[in-house]
Amino acid sequence: MKDIRQLIREIIRKKGPIRKVAQEIGIDHANLIRMLRENSDPRLKTIERIIEHLGYSLTLKREELKTVKRPSRSRRRNRSHNRKEVI
């Protein structure tokens, strides 16, 4: 899955020069570049502002988590009692 910053970078590249896009949004272009780096942690409000300016919206979608079946507690307890010590 792509990172949100990577998706925004791709959209901005299609829209035009980053300096122009930053100016339209009202963000210094150096700050916009810093925000879109992989090691940055931009605020959600800033991400929303950029996304809305680019003509998109941010939507959260719940996905079903895959569960891993674990042995019952009684089976786990029994395993430890069944071990034999080798001397």
PDB file of N, CA and C in Angstrom:
ATOM      1  N   MET A   1       0.837  -1.181   0.000  1.00  0.00           N
ATOM      2  CA  MET A   1       0.000   0.000   0.000  1.00  0.00           C
ATOM      3  C   MET A   1       0.882   1.245   0.000  1.00  0.00           C
ATOM      4  N   LYS A   2       0.499   2.202  -0.802  1.00  0.00           N
ATOM      5  CA  LYS A   2       1.276   3.436  -0.895  1.00  0.00           C
ATOM      6  C   LYS A   2       1.025   4.326   0.311  1.00  0.00           C
ATOM      7  N   ASP A   3       2.034   5.057   0.673  1.00  0.00           N
ATOM      8  CA  ASP A   3       1.952   6.030   1.747  1.00  0.00           C
ATOM      9  C   ASP A   3       1.198   7.258   1.240  1.00  0.00           C
ATOM     10  N   ILE A   4       0.438   7.911   2.098  1.00  0.00           N
ATOM     11  CA  ILE A   4      -0.345   9.090   1.712  1.00  0.00           C
ATOM     12  C   ILE A   4       0.554  10.181   1.133  1.00  0.00           C
ATOM     13  N   ARG A   5       1.747  10.345   1.699  1.00  0.00           N
ATOM     14  CA  ARG A   5       2.664  11.380   1.194  1.00  0.00           C
ATOM     15  C   ARG A   5       3.100  11.070  -0.229  1.00  0.00           C
ATOM     16  N   GLN A   6       3.333   9.807  -0.516  1.00  0.00           N
ATOM     17  CA  GLN A   6       3.736   9.397  -1.858  1.00  0.00           C
ATOM     18  C   GLN A   6       2.613   9.670  -2.864  1.00  0.00           C
ATOM     19  N   LEU A   7       1.387   9.379  -2.482  1.00  0.00           N
ATOM     20  CA  LEU A   7       0.245   9.652  -3.365  1.00  0.00           C
ATOM     21  C   LEU A   7       0.103  11.145  -3.646  1.00  0.00           C
ATOM     22  N   ILE A   8       0.257  11.959  -2.605  1.00  0.00           N
ATOM     23  CA  ILE A   8       0.158  13.415  -2.775  1.00  0.00           C
ATOM     24  C   ILE A   8       1.265  13.917  -3.694  1.00  0.00           C
ATOM     25  N   ARG A   9       2.481  13.415  -3.517  1.00  0.00           N
ATOM     26  CA  ARG A   9       3.596  13.817  -4.396  1.00  0.00           C
ATOM     27  C   ARG A   9       3.266  13.530  -5.857  1.00  0.00           C
ATOM     28  N   GLU A  10       2.731  12.335  -6.123  1.00  0.00           N
ATOM     29  CA  GLU A  10       2.382  11.960  -7.494  1.00  0.00           C
ATOM     30  C   GLU A  10       1.323  12.889  -8.075  1.00  0.00           C
ATOM     31  N   ILE A  11       0.321  13.230  -7.279  1.00  0.00           N
ATOM     32  CA  ILE A  11      -0.747  14.119  -7.744  1.00  0.00           C
ATOM     33  C   ILE A  11      -0.198  15.509  -8.013  1.00  0.00           C
ATOM     34  N   ILE A  12       0.648  16.009  -7.121  1.00  0.00           N
ATOM     35  CA  ILE A  12       1.234  17.345  -7.295  1.00  0.00           C
ATOM     36  C   ILE A  12       2.083  17.389  -8.559  1.00  0.00           C
ATOM     37  N   ARG A  13       2.848  16.338  -8.825  1.00  0.00           N
ATOM     38  CA  ARG A  13       3.689  16.304 -10.037  1.00  0.00           C
ATOM     39  C   ARG A  13       2.845  16.422 -11.300  1.00  0.00           C
ATOM     40  N   LYS A  14       1.662  15.802 -11.284  1.00  0.00           N
ATOM     41  CA  LYS A  14       0.764  15.876 -12.440  1.00  0.00           C
ATOM     42  C   LYS A  14       0.150  17.261 -12.582  1.00  0.00           C
ATOM     43  N   LYS A  15      -0.064  17.929 -11.449  1.00  0.00           N
ATOM     44  CA  LYS A  15      -0.735  19.239 -11.450  1.00  0.00           C
ATOM     45  C   LYS A  15       0.187  20.367 -11.911  1.00  0.00           C
ATOM     46  N   GLY A  16       1.450  20.276 -11.612  1.00  0.00           N
ATOM     47  CA  GLY A  16       2.366  21.339 -12.013  1.00  0.00           C
ATOM     48  C   GLY A  16       3.544  21.450 -11.079  1.00  0.00           C
ATOM     49  N   PRO A  17       4.329  22.520 -11.235  1.00  0.00           N
ATOM     50  CA  PRO A  17       5.500  22.708 -10.365  1.00  0.00           C
ATOM     51  C   PRO A  17       5.097  22.811  -8.896  1.00  0.00           C
ATOM     52  N   ILE A  18       5.882  22.206  -8.040  1.00  0.00           N
ATOM     53  CA  ILE A  18       5.569  22.180  -6.606  1.00  0.00           C
ATOM     54  C   ILE A  18       5.537  23.589  -6.023  1.00  0.00           C
ATOM     55  N   ARG A  19       6.376  24.469  -6.534  1.00  0.00           N
ATOM     56  CA  ARG A  19       6.398  25.854  -6.043  1.00  0.00           C
ATOM     57  C   ARG A  19       5.045  26.532  -6.293  1.00  0.00           C
ATOM     58  N   LYS A  20       4.480  26.298  -7.482  1.00  0.00           N
ATOM     59  CA  LYS A  20       3.190  26.900  -7.836  1.00  0.00           C
ATOM     60  C   LYS A  20       2.060  26.310  -6.975  1.00  0.00           C
ATOM     61  N   VAL A  21       2.072  24.995  -6.832  1.00  0.00           N
ATOM     62  CA  VAL A  21       1.041  24.323  -6.028  1.00  0.00           C
ATOM     63  C   VAL A  21       1.117  24.800  -4.580  1.00  0.00           C
ATOM     64  N   ALA A  22       2.322  24.885  -4.038  1.00  0.00           N
ATOM     65  CA  ALA A  22       2.509  25.343  -2.650  1.00  0.00           C
ATOM     66  C   ALA A  22       1.979  26.757  -2.483  1.00  0.00           C
ATOM     67  N   GLN A  23       2.259  27.607  -3.455  1.00  0.00           N
ATOM     68  CA  GLN A  23       1.798  29.000  -3.393  1.00  0.00           C
ATOM     69  C   GLN A  23       0.269  29.054  -3.423  1.00  0.00           C
ATOM     70  N   GLU A  24      -0.352  28.239  -4.258  1.00  0.00           N
ATOM     71  CA  GLU A  24      -1.817  28.198  -4.340  1.00  0.00           C
ATOM     72  C   GLU A  24      -2.439  27.731  -3.027  1.00  0.00           C
ATOM     73  N   ILE A  25      -1.779  26.777  -2.374  1.00  0.00           N
ATOM     74  CA  ILE A  25      -2.291  26.247  -1.102  1.00  0.00           C
ATOM     75  C   ILE A  25      -2.041  27.235   0.037  1.00  0.00           C
ATOM     76  N   GLY A  26      -0.975  28.029  -0.094  1.00  0.00           N
ATOM     77  CA  GLY A  26      -0.613  28.959   0.966  1.00  0.00           C
ATOM     78  C   GLY A  26       0.433  28.392   1.901  1.00  0.00           C
ATOM     79  N   ILE A  27       1.261  27.474   1.376  1.00  0.00           N
ATOM     80  CA  ILE A  27       2.327  26.837   2.145  1.00  0.00           C
ATOM     81  C   ILE A  27       3.644  27.164   1.454  1.00  0.00           C
ATOM     82  N   ASP A  28       4.678  27.434   2.231  1.00  0.00           N
ATOM     83  CA  ASP A  28       6.002  27.648   1.671  1.00  0.00           C
ATOM     84  C   ASP A  28       6.432  26.367   0.954  1.00  0.00           C
ATOM     85  N   HIS A  29       6.983  26.500  -0.257  1.00  0.00           N
ATOM     86  CA  HIS A  29       7.303  25.305  -1.039  1.00  0.00           C
ATOM     87  C   HIS A  29       8.341  24.418  -0.350  1.00  0.00           C
ATOM     88  N   ALA A  30       9.273  25.002   0.373  1.00  0.00           N
ATOM     89  CA  ALA A  30      10.267  24.200   1.098  1.00  0.00           C
ATOM     90  C   ALA A  30       9.588  23.364   2.183  1.00  0.00           C
ATOM     91  N   ASN A  31       8.601  23.953   2.855  1.00  0.00           N
ATOM     92  CA  ASN A  31       7.856  23.211   3.882  1.00  0.00           C
ATOM     93  C   ASN A  31       7.034  22.087   3.260  1.00  0.00           C
ATOM     94  N   LEU A  32       6.450  22.353   2.091  1.00  0.00           N
ATOM     95  CA  LEU A  32       5.670  21.327   1.407  1.00  0.00           C
ATOM     96  C   LEU A  32       6.578  20.157   1.009  1.00  0.00           C
ATOM     97  N   ILE A  33       7.744  20.462   0.493  1.00  0.00           N
ATOM     98  CA  ILE A  33       8.695  19.412   0.119  1.00  0.00           C
ATOM     99  C   ILE A  33       9.083  18.597   1.358  1.00  0.00           C
ATOM    100  N   ARG A  34       9.370  19.274   2.461  1.00  0.00           N
ATOM    101  CA  ARG A  34       9.733  18.588   3.713  1.00  0.00           C
ATOM    102  C   ARG A  34       8.596  17.692   4.204  1.00  0.00           C
ATOM    103  N   MET A  35       7.358  18.191   4.106  1.00  0.00           N
ATOM    104  CA  MET A  35       6.200  17.418   4.570  1.00  0.00           C
ATOM    105  C   MET A  35       6.007  16.133   3.777  1.00  0.00           C
ATOM    106  N   LEU A  36       6.384  16.169   2.519  1.00  0.00           N
ATOM    107  CA  LEU A  36       6.126  15.026   1.655  1.00  0.00           C
ATOM    108  C   LEU A  36       7.276  14.022   1.624  1.00  0.00           C
ATOM    109  N   ARG A  37       8.310  14.257   2.400  1.00  0.00           N
ATOM    110  CA  ARG A  37       9.407  13.283   2.510  1.00  0.00           C
ATOM    111  C   ARG A  37       8.940  12.092   3.331  1.00  0.00           C
ATOM    112  N   GLU A  38       9.582  10.962   3.105  1.00  0.00           N
ATOM    113  CA  GLU A  38       9.176   9.726   3.779  1.00  0.00           C
ATOM    114  C   GLU A  38       9.367   9.756   5.287  1.00  0.00           C
ATOM    115  N   ASN A  39      10.348  10.503   5.777  1.00  0.00           N
ATOM    116  CA  ASN A  39      10.614  10.506   7.218  1.00  0.00           C
ATOM    117  C   ASN A  39       9.884  11.635   7.951  1.00  0.00           C
ATOM    118  N   SER A  40       8.963  12.312   7.281  1.00  0.00           N
ATOM    119  CA  SER A  40       8.233  13.405   7.929  1.00  0.00           C
ATOM    120  C   SER A  40       6.947  12.893   8.569  1.00  0.00           C
ATOM    121  N   ASP A  41       6.348  13.722   9.385  1.00  0.00           N
ATOM    122  CA  ASP A  41       5.099  13.369  10.060  1.00  0.00           C
ATOM    123  C   ASP A  41       4.174  14.590  10.038  1.00  0.00           C
ATOM    124  N   PRO A  42       3.599  14.899   8.861  1.00  0.00           N
ATOM    125  CA  PRO A  42       2.759  16.100   8.760  1.00  0.00           C
ATOM    126  C   PRO A  42       1.462  15.953   9.552  1.00  0.00           C
ATOM    127  N   ARG A  43       0.900  17.079   9.943  1.00  0.00           N
ATOM    128  CA  ARG A  43      -0.373  17.076  10.664  1.00  0.00           C
ATOM    129  C   ARG A  43      -1.495  16.693   9.712  1.00  0.00           C
ATOM    130  N   LEU A  44      -2.499  16.038  10.258  1.00  0.00           N
ATOM    131  CA  LEU A  44      -3.645  15.614   9.457  1.00  0.00           C
ATOM    132  C   LEU A  44      -4.340  16.815   8.822  1.00  0.00           C
ATOM    133  N   LYS A  45      -4.443  17.903   9.567  1.00  0.00           N
ATOM    134  CA  LYS A  45      -5.098  19.109   9.050  1.00  0.00           C
ATOM    135  C   LYS A  45      -4.374  19.632   7.802  1.00  0.00           C
ATOM    136  N   THR A  46      -3.047  19.573   7.808  1.00  0.00           N
ATOM    137  CA  THR A  46      -2.263  20.023   6.660  1.00  0.00           C
ATOM    138  C   THR A  46      -2.483  19.085   5.474  1.00  0.00           C
ATOM    139  N   ILE A  47      -2.478  17.783   5.734  1.00  0.00           N
ATOM    140  CA  ILE A  47      -2.722  16.796   4.672  1.00  0.00           C
ATOM    141  C   ILE A  47      -4.104  17.033   4.061  1.00  0.00           C
ATOM    142  N   GLU A  48      -5.113  17.252   4.902  1.00  0.00           N
ATOM    143  CA  GLU A  48      -6.471  17.511   4.409  1.00  0.00           C
ATOM    144  C   GLU A  48      -6.509  18.766   3.539  1.00  0.00           C
ATOM    145  N   ARG A  49      -5.827  19.795   3.969  1.00  0.00           N
ATOM    146  CA  ARG A  49      -5.784  21.063   3.224  1.00  0.00           C
ATOM    147  C   ARG A  49      -5.182  20.863   1.833  1.00  0.00           C
ATOM    148  N   ILE A  50      -4.095  20.116   1.772  1.00  0.00           N
ATOM    149  CA  ILE A  50      -3.435  19.843   0.489  1.00  0.00           C
ATOM    150  C   ILE A  50      -4.346  18.997  -0.400  1.00  0.00           C
ATOM    151  N   ILE A  51      -4.906  17.941   0.164  1.00  0.00           N
ATOM    152  CA  ILE A  51      -5.768  17.037  -0.596  1.00  0.00           C
ATOM    153  C   ILE A  51      -6.983  17.777  -1.153  1.00  0.00           C
ATOM    154  N   GLU A  52      -7.619  18.592  -0.318  1.00  0.00           N
ATOM    155  CA  GLU A  52      -8.794  19.352  -0.768  1.00  0.00           C
ATOM    156  C   GLU A  52      -8.422  20.316  -1.892  1.00  0.00           C
ATOM    157  N   HIS A  53      -7.265  20.966  -1.776  1.00  0.00           N
ATOM    158  CA  HIS A  53      -6.816  21.888  -2.823  1.00  0.00           C
ATOM    159  C   HIS A  53      -6.611  21.147  -4.145  1.00  0.00           C
ATOM    160  N   LEU A  54      -6.151  19.907  -4.060  1.00  0.00           N
ATOM    161  CA  LEU A  54      -5.898  19.114  -5.260  1.00  0.00           C
ATOM    162  C   LEU A  54      -7.174  18.498  -5.838  1.00  0.00           C
ATOM    163  N   GLY A  55      -8.300  18.700  -5.143  1.00  0.00           N
ATOM    164  CA  GLY A  55      -9.589  18.213  -5.649  1.00  0.00           C
ATOM    165  C   GLY A  55      -9.963  16.822  -5.177  1.00  0.00           C
ATOM    166  N   TYR A  56      -9.386  16.392  -4.083  1.00  0.00           N
ATOM    167  CA  TYR A  56      -9.668  15.069  -3.534  1.00  0.00           C
ATOM    168  C   TYR A  56     -10.235  15.207  -2.127  1.00  0.00           C
ATOM    169  N   SER A  57     -10.727  14.095  -1.600  1.00  0.00           N
ATOM    170  CA  SER A  57     -11.162  14.077  -0.205  1.00  0.00           C
ATOM    171  C   SER A  57     -10.558  12.851   0.461  1.00  0.00           C
ATOM    172  N   LEU A  58     -10.445  12.923   1.755  1.00  0.00           N
ATOM    173  CA  LEU A  58      -9.860  11.846   2.532  1.00  0.00           C
ATOM    174  C   LEU A  58     -10.996  11.044   3.158  1.00  0.00           C
ATOM    175  N   THR A  59     -10.999   9.738   2.910  1.00  0.00           N
ATOM    176  CA  THR A  59     -12.043   8.863   3.423  1.00  0.00           C
ATOM    177  C   THR A  59     -11.404   7.678   4.133  1.00  0.00           C
ATOM    178  N   LEU A  60     -11.945   7.322   5.277  1.00  0.00           N
ATOM    179  CA  LEU A  60     -11.468   6.138   5.996  1.00  0.00           C
ATOM    180  C   LEU A  60     -12.426   4.996   5.722  1.00  0.00           C
ATOM    181  N   LYS A  61     -11.867   3.817   5.491  1.00  0.00           N
ATOM    182  CA  LYS A  61     -12.678   2.641   5.209  1.00  0.00           C
ATOM    183  C   LYS A  61     -12.256   1.532   6.153  1.00  0.00           C
ATOM    184  N   ARG A  62     -13.210   0.981   6.847  1.00  0.00           N
ATOM    185  CA  ARG A  62     -12.916  -0.108   7.773  1.00  0.00           C
ATOM    186  C   ARG A  62     -12.765  -1.410   7.000  1.00  0.00           C
ATOM    187  N   GLU A  63     -11.709  -2.138   7.302  1.00  0.00           N
ATOM    188  CA  GLU A  63     -11.477  -3.431   6.677  1.00  0.00           C
ATOM    189  C   GLU A  63     -11.521  -4.507   7.745  1.00  0.00           C
ATOM    190  N   GLU A  64     -11.980  -5.668   7.341  1.00  0.00           N
ATOM    191  CA  GLU A  64     -12.012  -6.792   8.263  1.00  0.00           C
ATOM    192  C   GLU A  64     -10.589  -7.270   8.514  1.00  0.00           C
ATOM    193  N   LEU A  65     -10.253  -7.428   9.770  1.00  0.00           N
ATOM    194  CA  LEU A  65      -8.930  -7.909  10.134  1.00  0.00           C
ATOM    195  C   LEU A  65      -8.913  -9.429  10.091  1.00  0.00           C
ATOM    196  N   LYS A  66      -7.813  -9.965   9.608  1.00  0.00           N
ATOM    197  CA  LYS A  66      -7.663 -11.414   9.623  1.00  0.00           C
ATOM    198  C   LYS A  66      -7.224 -11.817  11.017  1.00  0.00           C
ATOM    199  N   THR A  67      -7.940 -12.743  11.599  1.00  0.00           N
ATOM    200  CA  THR A  67      -7.593 -13.172  12.952  1.00  0.00           C
ATOM    201  C   THR A  67      -6.775 -14.455  12.885  1.00  0.00           C
ATOM    202  N   VAL A  68      -5.849 -14.548  13.793  1.00  0.00           N
ATOM    203  CA  VAL A  68      -5.011 -15.736  13.903  1.00  0.00           C
ATOM    204  C   VAL A  68      -5.559 -16.557  15.048  1.00  0.00           C
ATOM    205  N   LYS A  69      -5.862 -17.793  14.756  1.00  0.00           N
ATOM    206  CA  LYS A  69      -6.429 -18.653  15.783  1.00  0.00           C
ATOM    207  C   LYS A  69      -5.327 -19.093  16.740  1.00  0.00           C
ATOM    208  N   ARG A  70      -5.538 -18.827  18.015  1.00  0.00           N
ATOM    209  CA  ARG A  70      -4.574 -19.200  19.041  1.00  0.00           C
ATOM    210  C   ARG A  70      -5.118 -20.394  19.813  1.00  0.00           C
ATOM    211  N   PRO A  71      -4.246 -21.247  20.323  1.00  0.00           N
ATOM    212  CA  PRO A  71      -4.723 -22.363  21.130  1.00  0.00           C
ATOM    213  C   PRO A  71      -5.416 -21.845  22.392  1.00  0.00           C
ATOM    214  N   SER A  72      -6.376 -22.601  22.859  1.00  0.00           N
ATOM    215  CA  SER A  72      -7.083 -22.186  24.067  1.00  0.00           C
ATOM    216  C   SER A  72      -6.122 -22.173  25.246  1.00  0.00           C
ATOM    217  N   ARG A  73      -6.505 -21.504  26.299  1.00  0.00           N
ATOM    218  CA  ARG A  73      -5.634 -21.401  27.478  1.00  0.00           C
ATOM    219  C   ARG A  73      -5.338 -22.774  28.075  1.00  0.00           C
ATOM    220  N   SER A  74      -6.339 -23.626  28.116  1.00  0.00           N
ATOM    221  CA  SER A  74      -6.124 -24.947  28.708  1.00  0.00           C
ATOM    222  C   SER A  74      -5.113 -25.745  27.892  1.00  0.00           C
ATOM    223  N   ARG A  75      -5.148 -25.633  26.579  1.00  0.00           N
ATOM    224  CA  ARG A  75      -4.179 -26.350  25.738  1.00  0.00           C
ATOM    225  C   ARG A  75      -2.779 -25.792  25.948  1.00  0.00           C
ATOM    226  N   ARG A  76      -2.666 -24.464  26.118  1.00  0.00           N
ATOM    227  CA  ARG A  76      -1.345 -23.881  26.347  1.00  0.00           C
ATOM    228  C   ARG A  76      -0.781 -24.345  27.681  1.00  0.00           C
ATOM    229  N   ARG A  77      -1.645 -24.422  28.703  1.00  0.00           N
ATOM    230  CA  ARG A  77      -1.207 -24.861  30.026  1.00  0.00           C
ATOM    231  C   ARG A  77      -0.754 -26.312  29.978  1.00  0.00           C
ATOM    232  N   ASN A  78      -1.499 -27.139  29.302  1.00  0.00           N
ATOM    233  CA  ASN A  78      -1.177 -28.565  29.219  1.00  0.00           C
ATOM    234  C   ASN A  78       0.146 -28.807  28.517  1.00  0.00           C
ATOM    235  N   ARG A  79       0.468 -28.021  27.529  1.00  0.00           N
ATOM    236  CA  ARG A  79       1.724 -28.193  26.809  1.00  0.00           C
ATOM    237  C   ARG A  79       2.917 -28.025  27.739  1.00  0.00           C
ATOM    238  N   SER A  80       2.847 -27.039  28.613  1.00  0.00           N
ATOM    239  CA  SER A  80       3.981 -26.811  29.507  1.00  0.00           C
ATOM    240  C   SER A  80       4.117 -27.941  30.531  1.00  0.00           C
ATOM    241  N   HIS A  81       3.003 -28.579  30.930  1.00  0.00           N
ATOM    242  CA  HIS A  81       3.060 -29.671  31.883  1.00  0.00           C
ATOM    243  C   HIS A  81       3.511 -30.959  31.235  1.00  0.00           C
ATOM    244  N   ASN A  82       3.332 -31.093  29.939  1.00  0.00           N
ATOM    245  CA  ASN A  82       3.679 -32.326  29.242  1.00  0.00           C
ATOM    246  C   ASN A  82       5.162 -32.388  28.877  1.00  0.00           C
ATOM    247  N   ARG A  83       5.884 -31.319  29.037  1.00  0.00           N
ATOM    248  CA  ARG A  83       7.298 -31.332  28.694  1.00  0.00           C
ATOM    249  C   ARG A  83       8.078 -32.149  29.723  1.00  0.00           C
ATOM    250  N   LYS A  84       8.996 -32.916  29.199  1.00  0.00           N
ATOM    251  CA  LYS A  84       9.828 -33.714  30.105  1.00  0.00           C
ATOM    252  C   LYS A  84      11.208 -33.097  30.169  1.00  0.00           C
ATOM    253  N   GLU A  85      11.743 -33.094  31.337  1.00  0.00           N
ATOM    254  CA  GLU A  85      13.083 -32.553  31.529  1.00  0.00           C
ATOM    255  C   GLU A  85      14.091 -33.649  31.258  1.00  0.00           C
ATOM    256  N   VAL A  86      15.072 -33.330  30.447  1.00  0.00           N
ATOM    257  CA  VAL A  86      16.116 -34.294  30.121  1.00  0.00           C
ATOM    258  C   VAL A  86      17.346 -33.930  30.941  1.00  0.00           C
ATOM    259  N   ILE A  87      17.835 -34.910  31.693  1.00  0.00           N
ATOM    260  CA  ILE A  87      18.997 -34.667  32.545  1.00  0.00           C
ATOM    261  C   ILE A  87      20.178 -35.445  32.024  1.00  0.00           C
TER     262      ILE A  87
END
